[in-house]
Amino acid sequence: MVAVATDSPVLEKLISNIQEVRARGARVIGIATEGNLEIGQHCDEVVRVPSTHWLLNPLLAVVPLQLLAYFIATRRGLNVDQPRNLAKTVTVE
């Protein structure tokens, strides 16, 4: 499981969810804000993003998530430039 556990008002609830999936045997990768040491106790691996206002944290968390998706896809031998089942639309004015 990948958990975006950056600083936010719902962080404690997210930690509770992480503990539940770990109890069921899942490995957890956490995307956390720099300085948050508590997440390291609950995740197998932690990727840190710079600390900023909590509303902007998801924008910073997208970067490691995109890189993770890219490397998983390339390791599986998938073409990252032409994803399957991508619906394309064209708007004509």
Protein backbone atom coordinates (compact mmCIF):
# COMPACT_ATOMS: atom_id res chain seq x y z
CA MET A 1 0.00 0.00 0.00
CA VAL A 2 1.15 3.53 -0.70
CA ALA A 3 -0.01 6.06 1.89
CA VAL A 4 0.19 9.80 1.35
CA ALA A 5 0.81 10.68 4.98
CA THR A 6 1.74 14.33 4.74
CA ASP A 7 0.81 16.75 7.51
CA SER A 8 -2.96 17.32 7.56
CA PRO A 9 -5.87 17.39 10.01
CA VAL A 10 -6.65 13.72 9.21
CA LEU A 11 -3.14 12.36 9.75
CA GLU A 12 -4.08 10.46 12.91
CA LYS A 13 -6.92 8.68 11.08
CA LEU A 14 -4.54 7.78 8.26
CA ILE A 15 -2.05 6.32 10.75
CA SER A 16 -4.87 4.20 12.14
CA ASN A 17 -5.62 2.93 8.61
CA ILE A 18 -1.93 2.15 8.05
CA GLN A 19 -1.87 0.12 11.26
CA GLU A 20 -4.93 -1.85 10.09
CA VAL A 21 -3.42 -2.84 6.74
CA ARG A 22 -0.09 -3.72 8.37
CA ALA A 23 -1.93 -5.97 10.79
CA ARG A 24 -3.23 -7.81 7.72
CA GLY A 25 0.31 -8.29 6.40
CA ALA A 26 0.57 -5.46 3.85
CA ARG A 27 3.82 -3.65 3.15
CA VAL A 28 3.42 0.12 3.38
CA ILE A 29 5.31 2.86 1.55
CA GLY A 30 4.65 6.26 3.10
CA ILE A 31 4.94 9.65 1.45
CA ALA A 32 5.56 11.93 4.45
CA THR A 33 6.49 15.50 5.24
CA GLU A 34 10.07 16.20 6.32
CA GLY A 35 10.32 16.28 10.08
CA ASN A 36 7.46 13.84 10.67
CA LEU A 37 9.28 11.01 12.41
CA GLU A 38 6.13 9.22 13.60
CA ILE A 39 5.31 7.89 10.12
CA GLY A 40 8.61 5.98 10.02
CA GLN A 41 7.38 3.78 12.88
CA HIS A 42 4.33 2.67 10.87
CA CYS A 43 5.71 2.30 7.32
CA ASP A 44 8.23 -0.08 5.79
CA GLU A 45 9.70 2.65 3.59
CA VAL A 46 9.25 6.43 3.75
CA VAL A 47 9.74 9.01 1.00
CA ARG A 48 10.04 12.53 2.39
CA VAL A 49 8.72 15.69 0.73
CA PRO A 50 9.51 19.25 1.84
CA SER A 51 7.34 20.75 4.56
CA THR A 52 4.86 23.40 3.44
CA HIS A 53 1.30 24.50 4.18
CA TRP A 54 -0.83 21.38 4.63
CA LEU A 55 -3.11 22.31 1.72
CA LEU A 56 -0.11 22.33 -0.66
CA ASN A 57 1.37 19.03 0.54
CA PRO A 58 -0.56 16.91 -2.01
CA LEU A 59 1.07 18.87 -4.84
CA LEU A 60 4.51 17.91 -3.53
CA ALA A 61 3.47 14.30 -2.93
CA VAL A 62 2.50 13.86 -6.59
CA VAL A 63 6.14 13.92 -7.73
CA PRO A 64 7.31 10.75 -5.92
CA LEU A 65 3.99 9.05 -6.74
CA GLN A 66 4.47 9.70 -10.46
CA LEU A 67 8.05 8.42 -10.30
CA LEU A 68 6.90 5.31 -8.45
CA ALA A 69 4.25 4.64 -11.11
CA TYR A 70 6.81 5.16 -13.88
CA PHE A 71 9.38 2.79 -12.40
CA ILE A 72 6.80 0.10 -11.63
CA ALA A 73 5.48 0.29 -15.20
CA THR A 74 8.94 0.10 -16.77
CA ARG A 75 9.95 -2.79 -14.52
CA ARG A 76 6.80 -4.65 -15.61
CA GLY A 77 7.74 -4.03 -19.24
CA LEU A 78 4.80 -1.74 -19.99
CA ASN A 79 4.98 1.12 -22.47
CA VAL A 80 4.65 4.25 -20.36
CA ASP A 81 4.13 6.44 -23.43
CA GLN A 82 1.06 4.53 -24.62
CA PRO A 83 -0.95 3.32 -21.63
CA ARG A 84 -3.66 0.73 -22.25
CA ASN A 85 -7.35 1.62 -21.94
CA LEU A 86 -6.73 5.35 -22.15
CA ALA A 87 -9.86 7.10 -23.35
CA LYS A 88 -9.08 10.10 -25.51
CA THR A 89 -11.51 12.82 -26.41
CA VAL A 90 -11.27 15.65 -28.89
CA THR A 91 -13.19 18.86 -28.39
CA VAL A 92 -14.16 20.81 -31.49
CA GLU A 93 -15.47 24.34 -31.18
